[in-house]
Amino acid sequence: MNKRPLFSKNAFTIWLMIALIALAFNLRSPLTAIPPIVNEIRSALHINATTAGLLTSIPILCFGILTPLASFIINRTSLKFSILMTLGGCILGTLIRASGSFGGLISGTIIIGMALTIGNIVSLLIIAKDFPHKSHIVTGLYTSALNIGTMLSSALTAPMAHYWGWQTALASWVDLALLALVLWVVIFYAEKSIASPSNDTLPSDQETAKATADILKGDNKTHNFFHRQLVQILVISFAAHLCVYYGLTAWIPSFLRQSNHMTSSQAGAAAAFFQILALLGSFGIPVLSQRFSSAFLLRVIGLCWLVTPVGLLWMPSLWLFWLVLGGFAAGGGFTVIFSTVIQFSRNLDDNRRISSAVQGVGYIFASASPLLIGFLHQSYGDWQWAFYFLSLASLPLFWTGFRLKKVEKFYSKKA
């Protein structure tokens, strides 16, 4: 006798979206829990600003260095196993990071970075496989969930640290991972009870091998040339985008405390506002993409990133306006880049390989940003050269925007 499905097919799709959003809540929030309470951690563990920058840089460096390994693990196992590794590692790393020692802080941060590296690729594969015809919208929702997670940790970590200490404040974010884990266990159980094999949301090794064979069979020199161009453009774009984003994310609370004389909680709330403003880009880009090309939108993101750091530096009293521009760029840049990956990937395996290349190189460059900002700030005693560097880091987005226009024309002719 056949099992009665736990959900109908439509209900399963909705719950899958909810589980994806819950997963996304955990993919950045562990990183933004640190900046609002970095002074408390520095004081308790007697570390300097450059070392404190490592707490944000380490996971981003993991995103870069370990992305090929994460891609290999996903290819050799399954999305299901990879999701469990992501959330299990997030839970373990969060608890170890909050142990109270410097060694625990570093080792827990590394475990979190390893777990989130797998999650970065898994989440995009889920979107590409299960929501291929709504990739812009779902990528926007996914990016929004990333930003809501970072907003929550930016806004609430400092108040919790004030009342219960920084260790409890960091450990409390394990609840988000536990919630996501429960949802995905339900999804896995419900998936087995759905009779139609077409509802399998996880690619098998046979599917991946077939996808790779299809790529090799269908290759031609012209297509390969533009495909390589596309990958190079997306790698450079993502590296520039993340360099500015993580540099600002790591140090905005400290900057606002010094320039605008905010309290730790006020600066944390402002940083949270910066993260939630990314919803403007996450939802705005799918709407704008109906009228404008990805190439044009990429240049718009570059302009926002160019203006935000120098605006904060020259007119810090208008911090709210600059954070609006930066927030739009934060959510919009991710949505533009990975919607483009999904749009121009030839199949799921191609998506995995492009995503791995884009994230692997991009995060390696981005990991140096918080560390370099901390070094420049400490060396010169102000924020001038640190924020000038962030504005300069946005310039490659203008070049890649013009290059992407040519690639888009080629693909449009092929279509």
Foldseek 3Di string as FASTA:
>chain_A
DADAFPDDPVVLLVLVLVLLLLLLLLLCLLLLLCQLCVVVLCVLAVDALLVSLLLNLLLLQLLFPCLVVLLVVCLVPKLLVLSCQLLVLSLVLLLQLLPRYPVSVVVSSNSNSNSSSNVLLSSLLLCLQVPLVCNLLSLLSSLLSNLLSNLCSLQPLNVCCVVPNNSCSSNVVNVSSVVSVVSSVVSVVSQVSDPDPSSPSMDDSVNLVVVVVVPVVPDDDVVVVLVVLLLVLLQLLLLLLLQLVSLCSNCQLVQCCPPVVDDSNVSSNLSSVLSNLLSCQSVVQVVCVVPDPLLVLLVLLLVLQLCLLVCCVPPVVVNVVNSNSNSNSNNNSSSSSSSVLSVPQPGSNSSSVSSSSNSNSSSSSNSCNSSVQSVVCVVVVHRVVSSNVSSVSSVSSNVSSVSVVVSVVVVVVVD
